[in-house]
């Protein structure tokens, strides 16, 4: 039993904490992904003349803005994802 190795479990929150706070600096991939999607929603809001903003507006929120757009049942995966980031 002198050759046994013990596993020391650490919580996911501790592993995702920045190194300067004693964590391992892992990224929470779900939170990171949602932040990137939120960035896309922000770009649509702040650059309404961009091609992607014009296409999505014409298709999904013709008479409103990305901030008040709802998700129709036939929405693309891309648009659903951007709304997830927005929320």
PDB file of N, CA and C in Angstrom:
ATOM      1  N   UNK A   1       0.802  -1.161   0.000  1.00  0.00           N
ATOM      2  CA  UNK A   1       0.000   0.000   0.000  1.00  0.00           C
ATOM      3  C   UNK A   1       0.868   1.256   0.000  1.00  0.00           C
ATOM      4  N   UNK A   2       2.157   1.077   0.047  1.00  0.00           N
ATOM      5  CA  UNK A   2       3.010   2.253  -0.084  1.00  0.00           C
ATOM      6  C   UNK A   2       3.060   2.726  -1.531  1.00  0.00           C
ATOM      7  N   UNK A   3       2.663   1.850  -2.494  1.00  0.00           N
ATOM      8  CA  UNK A   3       2.669   2.220  -3.909  1.00  0.00           C
ATOM      9  C   UNK A   3       1.338   2.755  -4.393  1.00  0.00           C
ATOM     10  N   UNK A   4       0.351   2.887  -3.492  1.00  0.00           N
ATOM     11  CA  UNK A   4      -0.961   3.377  -3.901  1.00  0.00           C
ATOM     12  C   UNK A   4      -0.920   4.873  -4.142  1.00  0.00           C
ATOM     13  N   UNK A   5      -1.671   5.290  -5.159  1.00  0.00           N
ATOM     14  CA  UNK A   5      -1.785   6.711  -5.449  1.00  0.00           C
ATOM     15  C   UNK A   5      -3.189   7.156  -5.088  1.00  0.00           C
ATOM     16  N   UNK A   6      -3.307   8.305  -4.511  1.00  0.00           N
ATOM     17  CA  UNK A   6      -4.615   8.830  -4.140  1.00  0.00           C
ATOM     18  C   UNK A   6      -5.019   9.910  -5.132  1.00  0.00           C
ATOM     19  N   UNK A   7      -6.299   9.947  -5.424  1.00  0.00           N
ATOM     20  CA  UNK A   7      -6.851  10.972  -6.308  1.00  0.00           C
ATOM     21  C   UNK A   7      -7.450  12.060  -5.424  1.00  0.00           C
ATOM     22  N   UNK A   8      -7.072  13.276  -5.674  1.00  0.00           N
ATOM     23  CA  UNK A   8      -7.601  14.416  -4.938  1.00  0.00           C
ATOM     24  C   UNK A   8      -8.573  15.141  -5.852  1.00  0.00           C
ATOM     25  N   UNK A   9      -9.862  15.081  -5.526  1.00  0.00           N
ATOM     26  CA  UNK A   9     -10.890  15.683  -6.357  1.00  0.00           C
ATOM     27  C   UNK A   9     -10.972  17.171  -6.075  1.00  0.00           C
ATOM     28  N   UNK A  10     -11.181  17.927  -7.136  1.00  0.00           N
ATOM     29  CA  UNK A  10     -11.308  19.380  -7.048  1.00  0.00           C
ATOM     30  C   UNK A  10     -12.598  19.762  -7.772  1.00  0.00           C
ATOM     31  N   UNK A  11     -13.338  20.720  -7.238  1.00  0.00           N
ATOM     32  CA  UNK A  11     -14.600  21.126  -7.863  1.00  0.00           C
ATOM     33  C   UNK A  11     -14.335  21.801  -9.207  1.00  0.00           C
ATOM     34  N   UNK A  12     -15.333  21.712 -10.077  1.00  0.00           N
ATOM     35  CA  UNK A  12     -15.226  22.337 -11.403  1.00  0.00           C
ATOM     36  C   UNK A  12     -15.053  23.846 -11.261  1.00  0.00           C
ATOM     37  N   UNK A  13     -15.739  24.456 -10.292  1.00  0.00           N
ATOM     38  CA  UNK A  13     -15.616  25.899 -10.076  1.00  0.00           C
ATOM     39  C   UNK A  13     -14.168  26.278  -9.742  1.00  0.00           C
ATOM     40  N   UNK A  14     -13.507  25.457  -8.932  1.00  0.00           N
ATOM     41  CA  UNK A  14     -12.105  25.715  -8.564  1.00  0.00           C
ATOM     42  C   UNK A  14     -11.206  25.554  -9.793  1.00  0.00           C
ATOM     43  N   UNK A  15     -11.494  24.534 -10.624  1.00  0.00           N
ATOM     44  CA  UNK A  15     -10.673  24.320 -11.822  1.00  0.00           C
ATOM     45  C   UNK A  15     -10.838  25.470 -12.815  1.00  0.00           C
ATOM     46  N   UNK A  16     -12.030  26.068 -12.864  1.00  0.00           N
ATOM     47  CA  UNK A  16     -12.289  27.158 -13.805  1.00  0.00           C
ATOM     48  C   UNK A  16     -11.849  28.520 -13.263  1.00  0.00           C
ATOM     49  N   UNK A  17     -11.516  28.588 -12.000  1.00  0.00           N
ATOM     50  CA  UNK A  17     -11.065  29.852 -11.419  1.00  0.00           C
ATOM     51  C   UNK A  17      -9.719  30.240 -12.045  1.00  0.00           C
ATOM     52  N   UNK A  18      -9.473  31.540 -12.186  1.00  0.00           N
ATOM     53  CA  UNK A  18      -8.186  31.981 -12.725  1.00  0.00           C
ATOM     54  C   UNK A  18      -7.019  31.481 -11.871  1.00  0.00           C
ATOM     55  N   UNK A  19      -5.876  31.301 -12.481  1.00  0.00           N
ATOM     56  CA  UNK A  19      -4.698  30.813 -11.765  1.00  0.00           C
ATOM     57  C   UNK A  19      -4.318  31.745 -10.615  1.00  0.00           C
ATOM     58  N   UNK A  20      -4.484  33.039 -10.833  1.00  0.00           N
ATOM     59  CA  UNK A  20      -4.111  33.996  -9.790  1.00  0.00           C
ATOM     60  C   UNK A  20      -4.999  33.862  -8.553  1.00  0.00           C
ATOM     61  N   UNK A  21      -6.157  33.165  -8.708  1.00  0.00           N
ATOM     62  CA  UNK A  21      -7.046  32.933  -7.574  1.00  0.00           C
ATOM     63  C   UNK A  21      -6.934  31.502  -7.055  1.00  0.00           C
ATOM     64  N   UNK A  22      -5.906  30.772  -7.498  1.00  0.00           N
ATOM     65  CA  UNK A  22      -5.672  29.423  -7.016  1.00  0.00           C
ATOM     66  C   UNK A  22      -6.314  28.330  -7.842  1.00  0.00           C
ATOM     67  N   UNK A  23      -6.976  28.700  -8.938  1.00  0.00           N
ATOM     68  CA  UNK A  23      -7.603  27.710  -9.803  1.00  0.00           C
ATOM     69  C   UNK A  23      -6.627  27.202 -10.851  1.00  0.00           C
ATOM     70  N   UNK A  24      -7.139  26.398 -11.753  1.00  0.00           N
ATOM     71  CA  UNK A  24      -6.309  25.861 -12.828  1.00  0.00           C
ATOM     72  C   UNK A  24      -6.442  26.651 -14.128  1.00  0.00           C
ATOM     73  N   UNK A  25      -7.356  27.618 -14.160  1.00  0.00           N
ATOM     74  CA  UNK A  25      -7.494  28.472 -15.328  1.00  0.00           C
ATOM     75  C   UNK A  25      -8.250  27.846 -16.485  1.00  0.00           C
ATOM     76  N   UNK A  26      -8.958  26.731 -16.257  1.00  0.00           N
ATOM     77  CA  UNK A  26      -9.767  26.136 -17.325  1.00  0.00           C
ATOM     78  C   UNK A  26     -10.901  27.081 -17.666  1.00  0.00           C
ATOM     79  N   UNK A  27     -11.308  27.075 -18.918  1.00  0.00           N
ATOM     80  CA  UNK A  27     -12.460  27.877 -19.315  1.00  0.00           C
ATOM     81  C   UNK A  27     -13.733  27.055 -19.157  1.00  0.00           C
ATOM     82  N   UNK A  28     -14.771  27.717 -18.722  1.00  0.00           N
ATOM     83  CA  UNK A  28     -16.093  27.111 -18.719  1.00  0.00           C
ATOM     84  C   UNK A  28     -16.585  27.243 -20.156  1.00  0.00           C
ATOM     85  N   UNK A  29     -16.527  26.161 -20.920  1.00  0.00           N
ATOM     86  CA  UNK A  29     -16.803  26.223 -22.352  1.00  0.00           C
ATOM     87  C   UNK A  29     -18.227  26.654 -22.664  1.00  0.00           C
ATOM     88  N   UNK A  30     -19.182  26.289 -21.847  1.00  0.00           N
ATOM     89  CA  UNK A  30     -20.553  26.729 -22.105  1.00  0.00           C
ATOM     90  C   UNK A  30     -20.675  28.237 -21.947  1.00  0.00           C
ATOM     91  N   UNK A  31     -20.092  28.783 -20.903  1.00  0.00           N
ATOM     92  CA  UNK A  31     -20.136  30.223 -20.682  1.00  0.00           C
ATOM     93  C   UNK A  31     -19.347  30.956 -21.769  1.00  0.00           C
ATOM     94  N   UNK A  32     -18.209  30.400 -22.171  1.00  0.00           N
ATOM     95  CA  UNK A  32     -17.385  31.008 -23.215  1.00  0.00           C
ATOM     96  C   UNK A  32     -18.143  31.029 -24.540  1.00  0.00           C
ATOM     97  N   UNK A  33     -18.814  29.924 -24.879  1.00  0.00           N
ATOM     98  CA  UNK A  33     -19.584  29.849 -26.111  1.00  0.00           C
ATOM     99  C   UNK A  33     -20.730  30.855 -26.087  1.00  0.00           C
ATOM    100  N   UNK A  34     -21.430  30.957 -24.969  1.00  0.00           N
ATOM    101  CA  UNK A  34     -22.532  31.907 -24.892  1.00  0.00           C
ATOM    102  C   UNK A  34     -22.024  33.341 -25.007  1.00  0.00           C
ATOM    103  N   UNK A  35     -20.859  33.619 -24.471  1.00  0.00           N
ATOM    104  CA  UNK A  35     -20.283  34.961 -24.589  1.00  0.00           C
ATOM    105  C   UNK A  35     -19.956  35.285 -26.045  1.00  0.00           C
ATOM    106  N   UNK A  36     -19.439  34.323 -26.784  1.00  0.00           N
ATOM    107  CA  UNK A  36     -19.148  34.551 -28.208  1.00  0.00           C
ATOM    108  C   UNK A  36     -20.432  34.782 -29.002  1.00  0.00           C
ATOM    109  N   UNK A  37     -21.489  34.062 -28.654  1.00  0.00           N
ATOM    110  CA  UNK A  37     -22.773  34.263 -29.332  1.00  0.00           C
ATOM    111  C   UNK A  37     -23.356  35.629 -28.979  1.00  0.00           C
ATOM    112  N   UNK A  38     -23.178  36.061 -27.744  1.00  0.00           N
ATOM    113  CA  UNK A  38     -23.635  37.391 -27.337  1.00  0.00           C
ATOM    114  C   UNK A  38     -22.885  38.462 -28.121  1.00  0.00           C
ATOM    115  N   UNK A  39     -21.629  38.215 -28.388  1.00  0.00           N
ATOM    116  CA  UNK A  39     -20.830  39.157 -29.177  1.00  0.00           C
ATOM    117  C   UNK A  39     -21.399  39.289 -30.595  1.00  0.00           C
ATOM    118  N   UNK A  40     -21.884  38.178 -31.156  1.00  0.00           N
ATOM    119  CA  UNK A  40     -22.497  38.233 -32.480  1.00  0.00           C
ATOM    120  C   UNK A  40     -23.792  39.040 -32.442  1.00  0.00           C
ATOM    121  N   UNK A  41     -24.594  38.861 -31.391  1.00  0.00           N
ATOM    122  CA  UNK A  41     -25.819  39.646 -31.250  1.00  0.00           C
ATOM    123  C   UNK A  41     -25.476  41.133 -31.133  1.00  0.00           C
ATOM    124  N   UNK A  42     -24.420  41.451 -30.400  1.00  0.00           N
ATOM    125  CA  UNK A  42     -23.985  42.845 -30.256  1.00  0.00           C
ATOM    126  C   UNK A  42     -23.561  43.420 -31.611  1.00  0.00           C
ATOM    127  N   UNK A  43     -22.858  42.623 -32.407  1.00  0.00           N
ATOM    128  CA  UNK A  43     -22.435  43.086 -33.733  1.00  0.00           C
ATOM    129  C   UNK A  43     -23.635  43.356 -34.632  1.00  0.00           C
ATOM    130  N   UNK A  44     -24.651  42.515 -34.540  1.00  0.00           N
ATOM    131  CA  UNK A  44     -25.869  42.734 -35.337  1.00  0.00           C
ATOM    132  C   UNK A  44     -26.530  44.036 -34.899  1.00  0.00           C
ATOM    133  N   UNK A  45     -26.552  44.290 -33.603  1.00  0.00           N
ATOM    134  CA  UNK A  45     -27.163  45.504 -33.070  1.00  0.00           C
ATOM    135  C   UNK A  45     -26.384  46.758 -33.458  1.00  0.00           C
ATOM    136  N   UNK A  46     -25.060  46.687 -33.391  1.00  0.00           N
ATOM    137  CA  UNK A  46     -24.242  47.884 -33.617  1.00  0.00           C
ATOM    138  C   UNK A  46     -23.801  48.077 -35.065  1.00  0.00           C
ATOM    139  N   UNK A  47     -23.951  47.049 -35.899  1.00  0.00           N
ATOM    140  CA  UNK A  47     -23.591  47.156 -37.326  1.00  0.00           C
ATOM    141  C   UNK A  47     -24.759  46.686 -38.178  1.00  0.00           C
ATOM    142  N   UNK A  48     -25.858  47.432 -38.154  1.00  0.00           N
ATOM    143  CA  UNK A  48     -27.057  46.984 -38.857  1.00  0.00           C
ATOM    144  C   UNK A  48     -26.915  46.932 -40.378  1.00  0.00           C
ATOM    145  N   UNK A  49     -25.882  47.552 -40.921  1.00  0.00           N
ATOM    146  CA  UNK A  49     -25.699  47.510 -42.375  1.00  0.00           C
ATOM    147  C   UNK A  49     -24.833  46.340 -42.826  1.00  0.00           C
ATOM    148  N   UNK A  50     -24.325  45.553 -41.892  1.00  0.00           N
ATOM    149  CA  UNK A  50     -23.521  44.387 -42.274  1.00  0.00           C
ATOM    150  C   UNK A  50     -24.417  43.368 -42.976  1.00  0.00           C
ATOM    151  N   UNK A  51     -23.816  42.546 -43.805  1.00  0.00           N
ATOM    152  CA  UNK A  51     -24.587  41.564 -44.564  1.00  0.00           C
ATOM    153  C   UNK A  51     -25.358  40.620 -43.644  1.00  0.00           C
ATOM    154  N   UNK A  52     -24.693  40.098 -42.614  1.00  0.00           N
ATOM    155  CA  UNK A  52     -25.372  39.157 -41.724  1.00  0.00           C
ATOM    156  C   UNK A  52     -26.541  39.824 -41.002  1.00  0.00           C
ATOM    157  N   UNK A  53     -26.370  41.065 -40.562  1.00  0.00           N
ATOM    158  CA  UNK A  53     -27.452  41.775 -39.875  1.00  0.00           C
ATOM    159  C   UNK A  53     -28.627  41.997 -40.819  1.00  0.00           C
ATOM    160  N   UNK A  54     -28.342  42.394 -42.042  1.00  0.00           N
ATOM    161  CA  UNK A  54     -29.429  42.639 -43.006  1.00  0.00           C
ATOM    162  C   UNK A  54     -30.179  41.356 -43.354  1.00  0.00           C
ATOM    163  N   UNK A  55     -29.441  40.265 -43.532  1.00  0.00           N
ATOM    164  CA  UNK A  55     -30.091  38.989 -43.872  1.00  0.00           C
ATOM    165  C   UNK A  55     -30.949  38.493 -42.716  1.00  0.00           C
ATOM    166  N   UNK A  56     -30.396  38.492 -41.497  1.00  0.00           N
ATOM    167  CA  UNK A  56     -31.159  38.009 -40.352  1.00  0.00           C
ATOM    168  C   UNK A  56     -32.362  38.905 -40.053  1.00  0.00           C
ATOM    169  N   UNK A  57     -32.186  40.210 -40.194  1.00  0.00           N
ATOM    170  CA  UNK A  57     -33.307  41.129 -39.962  1.00  0.00           C
ATOM    171  C   UNK A  57     -34.418  40.873 -40.963  1.00  0.00           C
ATOM    172  N   UNK A  58     -34.080  40.727 -42.233  1.00  0.00           N
ATOM    173  CA  UNK A  58     -35.098  40.475 -43.262  1.00  0.00           C
ATOM    174  C   UNK A  58     -35.836  39.165 -43.004  1.00  0.00           C
ATOM    175  N   UNK A  59     -35.145  38.202 -42.458  1.00  0.00           N
ATOM    176  CA  UNK A  59     -35.739  36.873 -42.268  1.00  0.00           C
ATOM    177  C   UNK A  59     -36.481  36.740 -40.933  1.00  0.00           C
ATOM    178  N   UNK A  60     -35.938  37.317 -39.843  1.00  0.00           N
ATOM    179  CA  UNK A  60     -36.455  37.000 -38.519  1.00  0.00           C
ATOM    180  C   UNK A  60     -37.018  38.166 -37.698  1.00  0.00           C
ATOM    181  N   UNK A  61     -36.580  39.381 -37.937  1.00  0.00           N
ATOM    182  CA  UNK A  61     -37.091  40.481 -37.104  1.00  0.00           C
ATOM    183  C   UNK A  61     -37.244  41.754 -37.921  1.00  0.00           C
ATOM    184  N   UNK A  62     -38.019  41.623 -38.985  1.00  0.00           N
ATOM    185  CA  UNK A  62     -38.230  42.699 -39.958  1.00  0.00           C
ATOM    186  C   UNK A  62     -38.684  44.007 -39.305  1.00  0.00           C
ATOM    187  N   UNK A  63     -39.630  43.937 -38.375  1.00  0.00           N
ATOM    188  CA  UNK A  63     -40.217  45.150 -37.795  1.00  0.00           C
ATOM    189  C   UNK A  63     -39.781  45.424 -36.361  1.00  0.00           C
ATOM    190  N   UNK A  64     -38.673  44.832 -35.941  1.00  0.00           N
ATOM    191  CA  UNK A  64     -38.192  45.052 -34.574  1.00  0.00           C
ATOM    192  C   UNK A  64     -36.669  45.042 -34.575  1.00  0.00           C
ATOM    193  N   UNK A  65     -36.077  44.811 -33.418  1.00  0.00           N
ATOM    194  CA  UNK A  65     -34.615  44.751 -33.335  1.00  0.00           C
ATOM    195  C   UNK A  65     -34.208  43.381 -32.802  1.00  0.00           C
ATOM    196  N   UNK A  66     -32.926  43.116 -32.845  1.00  0.00           N
ATOM    197  CA  UNK A  66     -32.408  41.845 -32.323  1.00  0.00           C
ATOM    198  C   UNK A  66     -32.719  41.708 -30.836  1.00  0.00           C
ATOM    199  N   UNK A  67     -32.874  42.831 -30.134  1.00  0.00           N
ATOM    200  CA  UNK A  67     -33.140  42.799 -28.699  1.00  0.00           C
ATOM    201  C   UNK A  67     -34.536  42.284 -28.366  1.00  0.00           C
ATOM    202  N   UNK A  68     -35.488  42.482 -29.287  1.00  0.00           N
ATOM    203  CA  UNK A  68     -36.868  42.062 -29.031  1.00  0.00           C
ATOM    204  C   UNK A  68     -37.300  40.916 -29.935  1.00  0.00           C
ATOM    205  N   UNK A  69     -36.401  40.428 -30.759  1.00  0.00           N
ATOM    206  CA  UNK A  69     -36.740  39.349 -31.694  1.00  0.00           C
ATOM    207  C   UNK A  69     -37.121  38.085 -30.925  1.00  0.00           C
ATOM    208  N   UNK A  70     -38.090  37.376 -31.477  1.00  0.00           N
ATOM    209  CA  UNK A  70     -38.484  36.088 -30.914  1.00  0.00           C
ATOM    210  C   UNK A  70     -37.988  34.993 -31.844  1.00  0.00           C
ATOM    211  N   UNK A  71     -38.010  33.792 -31.357  1.00  0.00           N
ATOM    212  CA  UNK A  71     -37.484  32.665 -32.121  1.00  0.00           C
ATOM    213  C   UNK A  71     -38.636  31.859 -32.725  1.00  0.00           C
ATOM    214  N   UNK A  72     -38.849  31.974 -34.033  1.00  0.00           N
ATOM    215  CA  UNK A  72     -39.904  31.170 -34.652  1.00  0.00           C
ATOM    216  C   UNK A  72     -39.516  29.693 -34.679  1.00  0.00           C
ATOM    217  N   UNK A  73     -40.496  28.848 -34.831  1.00  0.00           N
ATOM    218  CA  UNK A  73     -40.227  27.402 -34.802  1.00  0.00           C
ATOM    219  C   UNK A  73     -39.344  26.953 -35.965  1.00  0.00           C
ATOM    220  N   UNK A  74     -39.341  27.709 -37.054  1.00  0.00           N
ATOM    221  CA  UNK A  74     -38.537  27.329 -38.214  1.00  0.00           C
ATOM    222  C   UNK A  74     -37.206  28.090 -38.294  1.00  0.00           C
ATOM    223  N   UNK A  75     -36.771  28.679 -37.180  1.00  0.00           N
ATOM    224  CA  UNK A  75     -35.525  29.459 -37.171  1.00  0.00           C
ATOM    225  C   UNK A  75     -34.316  28.553 -37.404  1.00  0.00           C
ATOM    226  N   UNK A  76     -33.312  29.119 -38.040  1.00  0.00           N
ATOM    227  CA  UNK A  76     -32.076  28.371 -38.282  1.00  0.00           C
ATOM    228  C   UNK A  76     -31.321  28.159 -36.970  1.00  0.00           C
ATOM    229  N   UNK A  77     -30.433  27.180 -37.003  1.00  0.00           N
ATOM    230  CA  UNK A  77     -29.602  26.896 -35.835  1.00  0.00           C
ATOM    231  C   UNK A  77     -28.765  28.129 -35.482  1.00  0.00           C
ATOM    232  N   UNK A  78     -28.285  28.822 -36.499  1.00  0.00           N
ATOM    233  CA  UNK A  78     -27.477  30.027 -36.287  1.00  0.00           C
ATOM    234  C   UNK A  78     -28.267  31.090 -35.540  1.00  0.00           C
ATOM    235  N   UNK A  79     -29.491  31.361 -36.006  1.00  0.00           N
ATOM    236  CA  UNK A  79     -30.293  32.399 -35.371  1.00  0.00           C
ATOM    237  C   UNK A  79     -30.693  31.994 -33.953  1.00  0.00           C
ATOM    238  N   UNK A  80     -31.055  30.724 -33.765  1.00  0.00           N
ATOM    239  CA  UNK A  80     -31.385  30.240 -32.423  1.00  0.00           C
ATOM    240  C   UNK A  80     -30.196  30.430 -31.480  1.00  0.00           C
ATOM    241  N   UNK A  81     -29.010  30.143 -31.988  1.00  0.00           N
ATOM    242  CA  UNK A  81     -27.798  30.259 -31.171  1.00  0.00           C
ATOM    243  C   UNK A  81     -27.519  31.703 -30.807  1.00  0.00           C
ATOM    244  N   UNK A  82     -27.683  32.607 -31.756  1.00  0.00           N
ATOM    245  CA  UNK A  82     -27.452  34.034 -31.482  1.00  0.00           C
ATOM    246  C   UNK A  82     -28.450  34.538 -30.441  1.00  0.00           C
ATOM    247  N   UNK A  83     -29.697  34.095 -30.529  1.00  0.00           N
ATOM    248  CA  UNK A  83     -30.682  34.495 -29.511  1.00  0.00           C
ATOM    249  C   UNK A  83     -30.322  33.926 -28.146  1.00  0.00           C
ATOM    250  N   UNK A  84     -29.757  32.728 -28.113  1.00  0.00           N
ATOM    251  CA  UNK A  84     -29.289  32.158 -26.848  1.00  0.00           C
ATOM    252  C   UNK A  84     -28.192  33.045 -26.241  1.00  0.00           C
ATOM    253  N   UNK A  85     -27.274  33.514 -27.092  1.00  0.00           N
ATOM    254  CA  UNK A  85     -26.225  34.412 -26.612  1.00  0.00           C
ATOM    255  C   UNK A  85     -26.789  35.741 -26.146  1.00  0.00           C
ATOM    256  N   UNK A  86     -27.753  36.258 -26.893  1.00  0.00           N
ATOM    257  CA  UNK A  86     -28.383  37.529 -26.520  1.00  0.00           C
ATOM    258  C   UNK A  86     -29.032  37.425 -25.146  1.00  0.00           C
ATOM    259  N   UNK A  87     -29.696  36.314 -24.906  1.00  0.00           N
ATOM    260  CA  UNK A  87     -30.409  36.146 -23.634  1.00  0.00           C
ATOM    261  C   UNK A  87     -29.459  35.959 -22.468  1.00  0.00           C
TER     262      UNK A  87
END
